[in-house]
Amino acid sequence: MVIGSLGTALLAIAFAGRRSAREVLLGMLAPLGAAGISWVLTERVYRQNPGRVTALLMSAFVGKMVFFGAYVAVMLRVVGLRLAPFVASFTAYFIALYLIEALLMRRLFLSERNRGT
């Protein structure tokens, strides 16, 4: 996730121009951090006690709602990022990274189920 995010951020900056570098990088940062931490915790909890994964995911969902709301507000109002490039970057990374996390979970759950049969 990290390498892919950094690589695509560099491509986006090359395409959009250096003027958008801050917005692209800060739009990537929160989704990358949240998806990475969420994935590591999910995998760890699943391996220890699969029955606890749903509770973890629900708690993480609420925490992420609060975190992302605060993050976007701070980036736009305090840091003063330009709206369009920041929102485009944030949205693209949010969707892509959570899709990747969902696919990783699917792979984890299927591999464990197949191992048990």
N, C-alpha and C. Protein backbone atom coordinates (compact mmCIF):
# COMPACT_ATOMS: atom_id res chain seq x y z
N MET A 1 0.82 -1.19 0.00
CA MET A 1 0.00 0.00 0.00
C MET A 1 0.87 1.26 0.00
N VAL A 2 1.93 1.24 0.78
CA VAL A 2 2.78 2.43 0.89
C VAL A 2 3.48 2.72 -0.43
N ILE A 3 4.10 1.71 -1.00
CA ILE A 3 4.84 1.90 -2.25
C ILE A 3 3.90 2.33 -3.38
N GLY A 4 2.75 1.67 -3.49
CA GLY A 4 1.78 2.04 -4.51
C GLY A 4 1.27 3.46 -4.33
N SER A 5 1.01 3.84 -3.09
CA SER A 5 0.52 5.18 -2.82
C SER A 5 1.56 6.24 -3.15
N LEU A 6 2.79 6.01 -2.74
CA LEU A 6 3.85 6.98 -3.03
C LEU A 6 4.11 7.08 -4.54
N GLY A 7 4.09 5.94 -5.21
CA GLY A 7 4.31 5.95 -6.66
C GLY A 7 3.22 6.70 -7.40
N THR A 8 1.96 6.44 -7.02
CA THR A 8 0.87 7.14 -7.69
C THR A 8 0.84 8.62 -7.31
N ALA A 9 1.26 8.95 -6.10
CA ALA A 9 1.32 10.36 -5.70
C ALA A 9 2.35 11.10 -6.56
N LEU A 10 3.48 10.48 -6.79
CA LEU A 10 4.50 11.10 -7.64
C LEU A 10 3.98 11.30 -9.06
N LEU A 11 3.25 10.31 -9.56
CA LEU A 11 2.64 10.45 -10.90
C LEU A 11 1.60 11.57 -10.92
N ALA A 12 0.78 11.64 -9.88
CA ALA A 12 -0.24 12.69 -9.81
C ALA A 12 0.40 14.07 -9.75
N ILE A 13 1.48 14.18 -8.99
CA ILE A 13 2.18 15.47 -8.88
C ILE A 13 2.81 15.83 -10.23
N ALA A 14 3.38 14.84 -10.90
CA ALA A 14 3.97 15.10 -12.21
C ALA A 14 2.90 15.55 -13.20
N PHE A 15 1.72 14.96 -13.10
CA PHE A 15 0.62 15.31 -14.00
C PHE A 15 0.00 16.66 -13.65
N ALA A 16 -0.28 16.87 -12.36
CA ALA A 16 -0.99 18.08 -11.92
C ALA A 16 -0.07 19.26 -11.71
N GLY A 17 1.20 19.00 -11.53
CA GLY A 17 2.14 20.08 -11.29
C GLY A 17 2.56 20.14 -9.83
N ARG A 18 3.74 20.70 -9.62
CA ARG A 18 4.30 20.77 -8.26
C ARG A 18 3.45 21.63 -7.34
N ARG A 19 2.68 22.52 -7.91
CA ARG A 19 1.82 23.39 -7.09
C ARG A 19 0.82 22.57 -6.27
N SER A 20 0.47 21.39 -6.76
CA SER A 20 -0.50 20.54 -6.08
C SER A 20 0.15 19.48 -5.20
N ALA A 21 1.44 19.52 -5.04
CA ALA A 21 2.14 18.47 -4.29
C ALA A 21 1.64 18.34 -2.86
N ARG A 22 1.47 19.46 -2.16
CA ARG A 22 1.00 19.39 -0.77
C ARG A 22 -0.38 18.76 -0.69
N GLU A 23 -1.27 19.18 -1.55
CA GLU A 23 -2.62 18.65 -1.53
C GLU A 23 -2.65 17.15 -1.84
N VAL A 24 -1.87 16.74 -2.83
CA VAL A 24 -1.84 15.33 -3.20
C VAL A 24 -1.28 14.50 -2.04
N LEU A 25 -0.16 14.92 -1.49
CA LEU A 25 0.47 14.14 -0.42
C LEU A 25 -0.37 14.11 0.85
N LEU A 26 -0.93 15.26 1.23
CA LEU A 26 -1.75 15.28 2.44
C LEU A 26 -3.11 14.62 2.21
N GLY A 27 -3.58 14.60 0.97
CA GLY A 27 -4.79 13.86 0.65
C GLY A 27 -4.58 12.37 0.71
N MET A 28 -3.36 11.93 0.50
CA MET A 28 -3.00 10.51 0.56
C MET A 28 -2.72 10.06 1.99
N LEU A 29 -2.16 10.93 2.80
CA LEU A 29 -1.62 10.56 4.11
C LEU A 29 -2.64 9.90 5.04
N ALA A 30 -3.76 10.53 5.27
CA ALA A 30 -4.74 9.99 6.22
C ALA A 30 -5.35 8.67 5.74
N PRO A 31 -5.80 8.56 4.49
CA PRO A 31 -6.32 7.26 4.05
C PRO A 31 -5.27 6.15 4.11
N LEU A 32 -4.03 6.47 3.76
CA LEU A 32 -2.97 5.47 3.81
C LEU A 32 -2.71 5.02 5.24
N GLY A 33 -2.58 5.97 6.14
CA GLY A 33 -2.33 5.62 7.54
C GLY A 33 -3.48 4.82 8.14
N ALA A 34 -4.69 5.27 7.91
CA ALA A 34 -5.85 4.58 8.48
C ALA A 34 -6.02 3.18 7.89
N ALA A 35 -5.88 3.04 6.58
CA ALA A 35 -6.03 1.72 5.96
C ALA A 35 -4.91 0.78 6.39
N GLY A 36 -3.70 1.30 6.49
CA GLY A 36 -2.58 0.46 6.92
C GLY A 36 -2.74 -0.03 8.35
N ILE A 37 -3.07 0.87 9.24
CA ILE A 37 -3.27 0.48 10.64
C ILE A 37 -4.45 -0.47 10.77
N SER A 38 -5.53 -0.15 10.08
CA SER A 38 -6.71 -1.00 10.12
C SER A 38 -6.41 -2.41 9.62
N TRP A 39 -5.65 -2.51 8.54
CA TRP A 39 -5.31 -3.83 7.99
C TRP A 39 -4.45 -4.62 8.97
N VAL A 40 -3.44 -3.99 9.53
CA VAL A 40 -2.55 -4.69 10.47
C VAL A 40 -3.35 -5.19 11.68
N LEU A 41 -4.21 -4.34 12.23
CA LEU A 41 -5.02 -4.74 13.38
C LEU A 41 -6.00 -5.86 13.02
N THR A 42 -6.63 -5.74 11.86
CA THR A 42 -7.58 -6.77 11.43
C THR A 42 -6.90 -8.11 11.28
N GLU A 43 -5.76 -8.12 10.63
CA GLU A 43 -5.04 -9.38 10.43
C GLU A 43 -4.62 -9.99 11.77
N ARG A 44 -4.11 -9.16 12.66
CA ARG A 44 -3.67 -9.64 13.97
C ARG A 44 -4.84 -10.21 14.77
N VAL A 45 -5.94 -9.48 14.82
CA VAL A 45 -7.11 -9.95 15.58
C VAL A 45 -7.67 -11.22 14.95
N TYR A 46 -7.72 -11.27 13.63
CA TYR A 46 -8.27 -12.46 12.96
C TYR A 46 -7.45 -13.71 13.29
N ARG A 47 -6.15 -13.56 13.31
CA ARG A 47 -5.30 -14.72 13.60
C ARG A 47 -5.42 -15.16 15.06
N GLN A 48 -5.68 -14.22 15.97
CA GLN A 48 -5.82 -14.55 17.38
C GLN A 48 -7.22 -15.05 17.72
N ASN A 49 -8.24 -14.37 17.20
CA ASN A 49 -9.62 -14.72 17.53
C ASN A 49 -10.54 -14.17 16.43
N PRO A 50 -10.85 -14.98 15.43
CA PRO A 50 -11.66 -14.50 14.31
C PRO A 50 -13.01 -13.92 14.72
N GLY A 51 -13.55 -14.36 15.83
CA GLY A 51 -14.84 -13.87 16.28
C GLY A 51 -14.82 -12.41 16.71
N ARG A 52 -13.67 -11.85 16.95
CA ARG A 52 -13.55 -10.46 17.38
C ARG A 52 -13.41 -9.47 16.22
N VAL A 53 -13.29 -9.97 15.00
CA VAL A 53 -13.05 -9.09 13.85
C VAL A 53 -14.20 -8.12 13.62
N THR A 54 -15.43 -8.59 13.70
CA THR A 54 -16.56 -7.71 13.46
C THR A 54 -16.60 -6.56 14.45
N ALA A 55 -16.38 -6.85 15.72
CA ALA A 55 -16.37 -5.79 16.74
C ALA A 55 -15.24 -4.79 16.46
N LEU A 56 -14.09 -5.29 16.07
CA LEU A 56 -12.96 -4.41 15.73
C LEU A 56 -13.34 -3.51 14.55
N LEU A 57 -13.90 -4.09 13.51
CA LEU A 57 -14.25 -3.31 12.32
C LEU A 57 -15.31 -2.26 12.63
N MET A 58 -16.26 -2.57 13.47
CA MET A 58 -17.29 -1.59 13.84
C MET A 58 -16.69 -0.45 14.66
N SER A 59 -15.84 -0.79 15.62
CA SER A 59 -15.17 0.25 16.42
C SER A 59 -14.28 1.11 15.54
N ALA A 60 -13.55 0.47 14.65
CA ALA A 60 -12.65 1.21 13.75
C ALA A 60 -13.45 2.13 12.84
N PHE A 61 -14.61 1.69 12.39
CA PHE A 61 -15.45 2.51 11.52
C PHE A 61 -15.84 3.82 12.21
N VAL A 62 -16.28 3.72 13.44
CA VAL A 62 -16.67 4.92 14.19
C VAL A 62 -15.46 5.82 14.41
N GLY A 63 -14.34 5.23 14.80
CA GLY A 63 -13.13 6.01 15.02
C GLY A 63 -12.66 6.70 13.75
N LYS A 64 -12.75 6.02 12.63
CA LYS A 64 -12.32 6.61 11.35
C LYS A 64 -13.24 7.74 10.92
N MET A 65 -14.54 7.61 11.20
CA MET A 65 -15.46 8.70 10.85
C MET A 65 -15.06 9.98 11.56
N VAL A 66 -14.77 9.86 12.84
CA VAL A 66 -14.37 11.04 13.62
C VAL A 66 -13.02 11.55 13.13
N PHE A 67 -12.07 10.64 12.96
CA PHE A 67 -10.72 11.03 12.53
C PHE A 67 -10.74 11.72 11.17
N PHE A 68 -11.42 11.12 10.18
CA PHE A 68 -11.43 11.70 8.84
C PHE A 68 -12.14 13.05 8.81
N GLY A 69 -13.23 13.18 9.55
CA GLY A 69 -13.91 14.47 9.62
C GLY A 69 -13.00 15.55 10.17
N ALA A 70 -12.32 15.24 11.26
CA ALA A 70 -11.40 16.21 11.87
C ALA A 70 -10.22 16.49 10.94
N TYR A 71 -9.69 15.45 10.31
CA TYR A 71 -8.53 15.61 9.43
C TYR A 71 -8.86 16.54 8.26
N VAL A 72 -9.98 16.29 7.61
CA VAL A 72 -10.37 17.12 6.46
C VAL A 72 -10.59 18.57 6.91
N ALA A 73 -11.26 18.74 8.04
CA ALA A 73 -11.50 20.10 8.53
C ALA A 73 -10.18 20.82 8.82
N VAL A 74 -9.24 20.14 9.46
CA VAL A 74 -7.95 20.77 9.77
C VAL A 74 -7.18 21.08 8.50
N MET A 75 -7.17 20.16 7.56
CA MET A 75 -6.41 20.38 6.33
C MET A 75 -6.97 21.56 5.53
N LEU A 76 -8.28 21.72 5.52
CA LEU A 76 -8.87 22.79 4.73
C LEU A 76 -8.91 24.13 5.46
N ARG A 77 -9.20 24.10 6.75
CA ARG A 77 -9.37 25.37 7.48
C ARG A 77 -8.11 25.86 8.16
N VAL A 78 -7.32 24.95 8.69
CA VAL A 78 -6.12 25.36 9.43
C VAL A 78 -4.90 25.40 8.51
N VAL A 79 -4.66 24.29 7.82
CA VAL A 79 -3.50 24.21 6.93
C VAL A 79 -3.73 25.07 5.68
N GLY A 80 -4.98 25.18 5.27
CA GLY A 80 -5.32 26.03 4.13
C GLY A 80 -5.04 25.43 2.78
N LEU A 81 -5.25 24.13 2.64
CA LEU A 81 -5.05 23.47 1.35
C LEU A 81 -6.12 23.91 0.37
N ARG A 82 -5.77 23.86 -0.90
CA ARG A 82 -6.75 24.16 -1.95
C ARG A 82 -7.74 23.00 -2.03
N LEU A 83 -9.01 23.35 -2.11
CA LEU A 83 -10.10 22.38 -2.01
C LEU A 83 -10.06 21.29 -3.09
N ALA A 84 -10.07 21.67 -4.35
CA ALA A 84 -10.22 20.68 -5.44
C ALA A 84 -9.12 19.63 -5.47
N PRO A 85 -7.83 20.00 -5.46
CA PRO A 85 -6.82 18.95 -5.51
C PRO A 85 -6.78 18.09 -4.25
N PHE A 86 -7.04 18.71 -3.10
CA PHE A 86 -7.04 17.93 -1.86
C PHE A 86 -8.18 16.92 -1.85
N VAL A 87 -9.39 17.37 -2.18
CA VAL A 87 -10.55 16.48 -2.18
C VAL A 87 -10.38 15.37 -3.22
N ALA A 88 -9.85 15.70 -4.38
CA ALA A 88 -9.63 14.68 -5.41
C ALA A 88 -8.63 13.64 -4.92
N SER A 89 -7.55 14.08 -4.34
CA SER A 89 -6.54 13.15 -3.83
C SER A 89 -7.09 12.32 -2.69
N PHE A 90 -7.71 12.96 -1.73
CA PHE A 90 -8.25 12.26 -0.56
C PHE A 90 -9.26 11.20 -1.01
N THR A 91 -10.17 11.59 -1.88
CA THR A 91 -11.22 10.67 -2.33
C THR A 91 -10.63 9.49 -3.10
N ALA A 92 -9.72 9.77 -4.01
CA ALA A 92 -9.11 8.69 -4.80
C ALA A 92 -8.35 7.71 -3.93
N TYR A 93 -7.55 8.21 -3.00
CA TYR A 93 -6.79 7.32 -2.12
C TYR A 93 -7.70 6.59 -1.14
N PHE A 94 -8.72 7.27 -0.64
CA PHE A 94 -9.66 6.63 0.27
C PHE A 94 -10.30 5.42 -0.40
N ILE A 95 -10.83 5.62 -1.58
CA ILE A 95 -11.51 4.53 -2.30
C ILE A 95 -10.53 3.42 -2.66
N ALA A 96 -9.40 3.79 -3.24
CA ALA A 96 -8.43 2.77 -3.69
C ALA A 96 -7.87 1.97 -2.51
N LEU A 97 -7.50 2.65 -1.44
CA LEU A 97 -6.88 1.94 -0.31
C LEU A 97 -7.88 1.06 0.43
N TYR A 98 -9.12 1.49 0.54
CA TYR A 98 -10.11 0.63 1.19
C TYR A 98 -10.53 -0.52 0.29
N LEU A 99 -10.46 -0.35 -1.01
CA LEU A 99 -10.68 -1.48 -1.91
C LEU A 99 -9.55 -2.50 -1.73
N ILE A 100 -8.33 -2.03 -1.67
CA ILE A 100 -7.19 -2.92 -1.45
C ILE A 100 -7.33 -3.64 -0.11
N GLU A 101 -7.71 -2.90 0.92
CA GLU A 101 -7.88 -3.53 2.23
C GLU A 101 -8.98 -4.61 2.19
N ALA A 102 -10.08 -4.33 1.50
CA ALA A 102 -11.15 -5.32 1.38
C ALA A 102 -10.67 -6.57 0.65
N LEU A 103 -9.88 -6.38 -0.41
CA LEU A 103 -9.35 -7.53 -1.14
C LEU A 103 -8.37 -8.33 -0.28
N LEU A 104 -7.57 -7.63 0.51
CA LEU A 104 -6.66 -8.34 1.42
C LEU A 104 -7.43 -9.14 2.47
N MET A 105 -8.51 -8.56 2.99
CA MET A 105 -9.34 -9.29 3.96
C MET A 105 -9.98 -10.51 3.31
N ARG A 106 -10.47 -10.33 2.11
CA ARG A 106 -11.07 -11.46 1.40
C ARG A 106 -10.06 -12.59 1.25
N ARG A 107 -8.84 -12.22 0.84
CA ARG A 107 -7.80 -13.23 0.69
C ARG A 107 -7.49 -13.90 2.03
N LEU A 108 -7.39 -13.13 3.09
CA LEU A 108 -7.12 -13.68 4.42
C LEU A 108 -8.21 -14.64 4.85
N PHE A 109 -9.46 -14.22 4.73
CA PHE A 109 -10.57 -15.06 5.17
C PHE A 109 -10.68 -16.34 4.34
N LEU A 110 -10.48 -16.23 3.03
CA LEU A 110 -10.56 -17.42 2.18
C LEU A 110 -9.39 -18.36 2.42
N SER A 111 -8.20 -17.84 2.63
CA SER A 111 -7.04 -18.71 2.85
C SER A 111 -7.18 -19.46 4.16
N GLU A 112 -7.70 -18.82 5.18
CA GLU A 112 -7.89 -19.48 6.46
C GLU A 112 -9.00 -20.53 6.36
N ARG A 113 -10.06 -20.22 5.63
CA ARG A 113 -11.16 -21.18 5.48
C ARG A 113 -10.67 -22.40 4.71
N ASN A 114 -9.90 -22.19 3.64
CA ASN A 114 -9.39 -23.31 2.84
C ASN A 114 -8.37 -24.13 3.61
N ARG A 115 -7.63 -23.50 4.49
CA ARG A 115 -6.64 -24.20 5.30
C ARG A 115 -7.33 -25.14 6.29
N GLY A 116 -8.51 -24.74 6.76
CA GLY A 116 -9.24 -25.53 7.75
C GLY A 116 -10.01 -26.69 7.17
N THR A 117 -10.18 -26.74 5.84
CA THR A 117 -10.98 -27.82 5.25
C THR A 117 -10.13 -28.94 4.75
